[in-house]
Amino acid sequence: MPTLESAYLVLLLWAVIGYLLGSIPGGMIFARLMNLGNLRDIGSGNIGATNVLRTGNKKAAALTLIFDAAKGAVVVLAARQLAGEDAAQLAALMAFLGHCFPVWLRFKGGKGVATYFGILLAVDWQIGLIACAIWLVVAALSRYSSLAALVTAGWIPLVVGFTTPGEMFFLSATLCFLIYIRHWANIQRLRKGTETKIGKKSAA
């Protein structure tokens, strides 16, 4: 974790900004605009891009993916430019929490995977590209988005530990823990063989 050099009020400000930006439910907004129905009643009930894809609308899923990733990236880049690396990583964590636990949705948000990738690409683009590569390989081989996310989140703290120890290890490890918590139900379905594969349209 970077040394805390910014004033506490500055860190608090960016924590709030990160949370509020992260809490904007892009998936639900695009689903509503494109008359796709309530995402809570579709597939897993998640508000992220994978569940939006289960509606059969690839455009809405792509827009959701881009929007959710951009939330994480924008807040990191803005905080780094205007405050510093400590504020950037704090804002990143809060953006992730905002996506997963948005106050507007009674703290029942998404799994945070797209936001996670946006954060990693903005904090360290090389680590971000490695994460994207891991996800793509696992997803292509397994067709399970959740498994790809879990494998990626598990490997990235190890990659960070070997390449940039101390700088973003705390952030990557914390995000890994949160992703596993948010995917607990997916882990159970993977164990039972009942997890939905990528691109499978929901019967709902």
Protein backbone atom coordinates (compact mmCIF):
# COMPACT_ATOMS: atom_id res chain seq x y z
CA MET A 1 0.00 0.00 0.00
CA PRO A 2 1.37 3.47 -0.83
CA THR A 3 2.37 5.73 2.02
CA LEU A 4 -0.50 7.89 3.25
CA GLU A 5 0.65 11.38 2.39
CA SER A 6 -2.62 13.18 1.61
CA ALA A 7 -4.56 15.04 4.29
CA TYR A 8 -7.27 12.99 5.96
CA LEU A 9 -10.02 15.24 4.64
CA VAL A 10 -8.70 14.77 1.11
CA LEU A 11 -8.72 11.00 1.56
CA LEU A 12 -12.24 11.15 2.97
CA LEU A 13 -13.39 13.23 0.01
CA TRP A 14 -12.03 10.75 -2.51
CA ALA A 15 -13.45 7.84 -0.54
CA VAL A 16 -16.91 9.40 -0.83
CA ILE A 17 -16.43 10.25 -4.52
CA GLY A 18 -15.23 6.71 -5.22
CA TYR A 19 -18.19 5.14 -3.46
CA LEU A 20 -20.78 7.36 -5.14
CA LEU A 21 -19.35 6.84 -8.61
CA GLY A 22 -19.01 3.12 -8.09
CA SER A 23 -22.59 2.84 -6.84
CA ILE A 24 -24.15 3.96 -10.14
CA PRO A 25 -25.90 0.76 -11.39
CA GLY A 26 -25.03 0.85 -15.08
CA GLY A 27 -26.55 -2.55 -15.83
CA MET A 28 -29.95 -1.62 -14.45
CA ILE A 29 -29.86 1.73 -16.26
CA PHE A 30 -29.08 0.18 -19.65
CA ALA A 31 -31.59 -2.62 -19.12
CA ARG A 32 -34.28 -0.06 -18.35
CA LEU A 33 -33.37 2.15 -21.33
CA MET A 34 -33.45 -0.83 -23.69
CA ASN A 35 -36.64 -2.35 -22.27
CA LEU A 36 -34.94 -5.55 -21.18
CA GLY A 37 -36.89 -5.87 -17.95
CA ASN A 38 -35.77 -5.94 -14.34
CA LEU A 39 -32.34 -7.59 -14.02
CA ARG A 40 -33.34 -8.83 -10.57
CA ASP A 41 -35.80 -11.18 -12.29
CA ILE A 42 -33.33 -12.43 -14.92
CA GLY A 43 -30.73 -15.18 -14.56
CA SER A 44 -28.72 -14.73 -11.39
CA GLY A 45 -30.42 -11.44 -10.56
CA ASN A 46 -27.04 -9.70 -10.72
CA ILE A 47 -26.74 -6.17 -12.17
CA GLY A 48 -23.47 -6.81 -14.03
CA ALA A 49 -22.60 -7.37 -17.68
CA THR A 50 -22.69 -11.18 -17.52
CA ASN A 51 -26.29 -11.19 -16.36
CA VAL A 52 -27.24 -8.47 -18.85
CA LEU A 53 -25.85 -10.77 -21.57
CA ARG A 54 -28.37 -13.41 -20.47
CA THR A 55 -31.13 -11.16 -21.79
CA GLY A 56 -29.71 -11.80 -25.26
CA ASN A 57 -28.84 -8.14 -25.82
CA LYS A 58 -25.11 -8.02 -26.54
CA LYS A 59 -25.09 -4.25 -26.97
CA ALA A 60 -26.52 -3.69 -23.50
CA ALA A 61 -24.03 -6.16 -22.03
CA ALA A 62 -21.10 -4.42 -23.75
CA LEU A 63 -22.24 -1.00 -22.58
CA THR A 64 -22.61 -2.31 -19.03
CA LEU A 65 -19.13 -3.83 -19.13
CA ILE A 66 -17.57 -0.59 -20.39
CA PHE A 67 -19.49 1.58 -17.94
CA ASP A 68 -18.70 -0.55 -14.89
CA ALA A 69 -15.01 -0.77 -15.82
CA ALA A 70 -14.87 2.97 -16.50
CA LYS A 71 -16.22 3.72 -13.02
CA GLY A 72 -13.18 2.10 -11.47
CA ALA A 73 -10.67 3.54 -13.93
CA VAL A 74 -11.92 7.13 -13.94
CA VAL A 75 -11.93 7.54 -10.18
CA VAL A 76 -8.39 6.14 -9.92
CA LEU A 77 -7.00 8.41 -12.63
CA ALA A 78 -8.79 11.49 -11.28
CA ALA A 79 -7.72 10.90 -7.69
CA ARG A 80 -4.12 10.24 -8.72
CA GLN A 81 -4.00 13.43 -10.78
CA LEU A 82 -5.66 15.66 -8.19
CA ALA A 83 -4.44 14.14 -4.93
CA GLY A 84 -1.95 11.27 -5.10
CA GLU A 85 -1.47 7.52 -5.21
CA ASP A 86 -2.84 7.00 -1.72
CA ALA A 87 -6.10 8.74 -2.62
CA ALA A 88 -6.24 6.85 -5.92
CA GLN A 89 -6.07 3.42 -4.29
CA LEU A 90 -8.51 4.37 -1.54
CA ALA A 91 -10.96 5.71 -4.12
CA ALA A 92 -10.50 2.49 -6.10
CA LEU A 93 -11.45 0.35 -3.12
CA MET A 94 -14.45 2.53 -2.35
CA ALA A 95 -15.62 2.44 -5.98
CA PHE A 96 -15.55 -1.34 -5.81
CA LEU A 97 -17.52 -1.30 -2.56
CA GLY A 98 -19.95 1.17 -4.09
CA HIS A 99 -20.62 -1.17 -7.00
CA CYS A 100 -21.08 -4.19 -4.74
CA PHE A 101 -23.04 -2.43 -2.00
CA PRO A 102 -24.84 0.59 -3.52
CA VAL A 103 -27.00 2.50 -1.07
CA TRP A 104 -29.55 3.14 -3.83
CA LEU A 105 -30.22 -0.60 -4.17
CA ARG A 106 -30.33 -1.35 -0.44
CA PHE A 107 -26.67 -2.42 -0.59
CA LYS A 108 -27.45 -5.28 -3.00
CA GLY A 109 -25.24 -4.59 -6.00
CA GLY A 110 -23.10 -6.51 -8.46
CA LYS A 111 -20.12 -8.82 -8.18
CA GLY A 112 -17.65 -6.07 -9.13
CA VAL A 113 -15.63 -7.91 -11.78
CA ALA A 114 -15.75 -5.25 -14.50
CA THR A 115 -15.03 -2.53 -11.96
CA TYR A 116 -12.15 -4.66 -10.68
CA PHE A 117 -10.56 -4.78 -14.14
CA GLY A 118 -11.03 -1.04 -14.61
CA ILE A 119 -9.29 -0.42 -11.30
CA LEU A 120 -6.35 -2.68 -12.10
CA LEU A 121 -5.82 -1.17 -15.55
CA ALA A 122 -5.80 2.34 -14.08
CA VAL A 123 -3.60 1.57 -11.07
CA ASP A 124 -1.05 -0.43 -13.10
CA TRP A 125 -1.89 -1.12 -16.74
CA GLN A 126 0.58 -4.01 -16.96
CA ILE A 127 -1.01 -5.81 -14.02
CA GLY A 128 -4.39 -5.00 -15.55
CA LEU A 129 -3.45 -6.60 -18.87
CA ILE A 130 -2.19 -9.72 -17.08
CA ALA A 131 -5.51 -9.91 -15.24
CA CYS A 132 -7.45 -9.57 -18.51
CA ALA A 133 -5.33 -12.30 -20.11
CA ILE A 134 -5.92 -14.71 -17.22
CA TRP A 135 -9.68 -14.06 -17.33
CA LEU A 136 -9.88 -14.56 -21.09
CA VAL A 137 -7.97 -17.86 -21.01
CA VAL A 138 -10.00 -19.33 -18.14
CA ALA A 139 -13.29 -18.07 -19.58
CA ALA A 140 -12.48 -19.47 -23.03
CA LEU A 141 -11.59 -22.88 -21.60
CA SER A 142 -14.38 -23.19 -19.05
CA ARG A 143 -17.15 -20.88 -20.35
CA TYR A 144 -17.73 -19.83 -16.75
CA SER A 145 -17.43 -16.10 -16.07
CA SER A 146 -17.44 -16.63 -12.32
CA LEU A 147 -14.62 -19.18 -12.42
CA ALA A 148 -12.55 -16.87 -14.60
CA ALA A 149 -13.07 -14.03 -12.12
CA LEU A 150 -12.15 -16.22 -9.15
CA VAL A 151 -8.98 -17.56 -10.76
CA THR A 152 -7.94 -14.06 -11.85
CA ALA A 153 -8.57 -12.49 -8.44
CA GLY A 154 -6.63 -15.29 -6.77
CA TRP A 155 -3.59 -14.98 -9.01
CA ILE A 156 -3.24 -11.20 -9.16
CA PRO A 157 -2.02 -10.66 -5.55
CA LEU A 158 0.70 -13.23 -6.28
CA VAL A 159 1.66 -11.43 -9.50
CA VAL A 160 1.69 -8.10 -7.65
CA GLY A 161 3.78 -9.59 -4.84
CA PHE A 162 6.48 -10.63 -7.30
CA THR A 163 6.44 -7.49 -9.47
CA THR A 164 5.43 -4.47 -7.38
CA PRO A 165 5.60 -5.58 -3.72
CA GLY A 166 4.22 -3.04 -1.27
CA GLU A 167 2.68 -0.69 -3.83
CA MET A 168 -0.66 -2.30 -4.54
CA PHE A 169 -0.55 -5.64 -2.75
CA PHE A 170 -3.01 -4.55 -0.05
CA LEU A 171 -5.48 -3.31 -2.66
CA SER A 172 -5.21 -6.43 -4.83
CA ALA A 173 -5.51 -8.77 -1.83
CA THR A 174 -8.50 -6.90 -0.43
CA LEU A 175 -10.26 -6.91 -3.80
CA CYS A 176 -9.53 -10.64 -4.11
CA PHE A 177 -11.15 -11.28 -0.73
CA LEU A 178 -14.20 -9.22 -1.66
CA ILE A 179 -14.60 -10.94 -5.03
CA TYR A 180 -14.58 -14.34 -3.33
CA ILE A 181 -17.16 -13.13 -0.83
CA ARG A 182 -19.38 -11.76 -3.60
CA HIS A 183 -19.03 -15.00 -5.58
CA TRP A 184 -19.77 -17.36 -2.71
CA ALA A 185 -23.05 -18.50 -4.27
CA ASN A 186 -21.27 -19.00 -7.60
CA ILE A 187 -18.64 -21.13 -5.87
CA GLN A 188 -21.38 -23.38 -4.49
CA ARG A 189 -23.00 -23.69 -7.93
CA LEU A 190 -19.64 -24.47 -9.53
CA ARG A 191 -19.13 -27.26 -7.02
CA LYS A 192 -22.57 -28.67 -7.81
CA GLY A 193 -22.18 -28.22 -11.58
CA THR A 194 -25.21 -25.93 -11.82
CA GLU A 195 -23.47 -22.66 -12.66
CA THR A 196 -24.73 -20.88 -15.81
CA LYS A 197 -22.21 -20.61 -18.64
CA ILE A 198 -21.31 -17.42 -20.50
CA GLY A 199 -23.83 -16.39 -23.13
CA LYS A 200 -26.56 -18.79 -22.01
CA LYS A 201 -29.85 -16.93 -22.22
CA SER A 202 -31.99 -17.07 -19.13
CA ALA A 203 -35.28 -18.89 -19.36
CA ALA A 204 -36.76 -15.92 -17.47
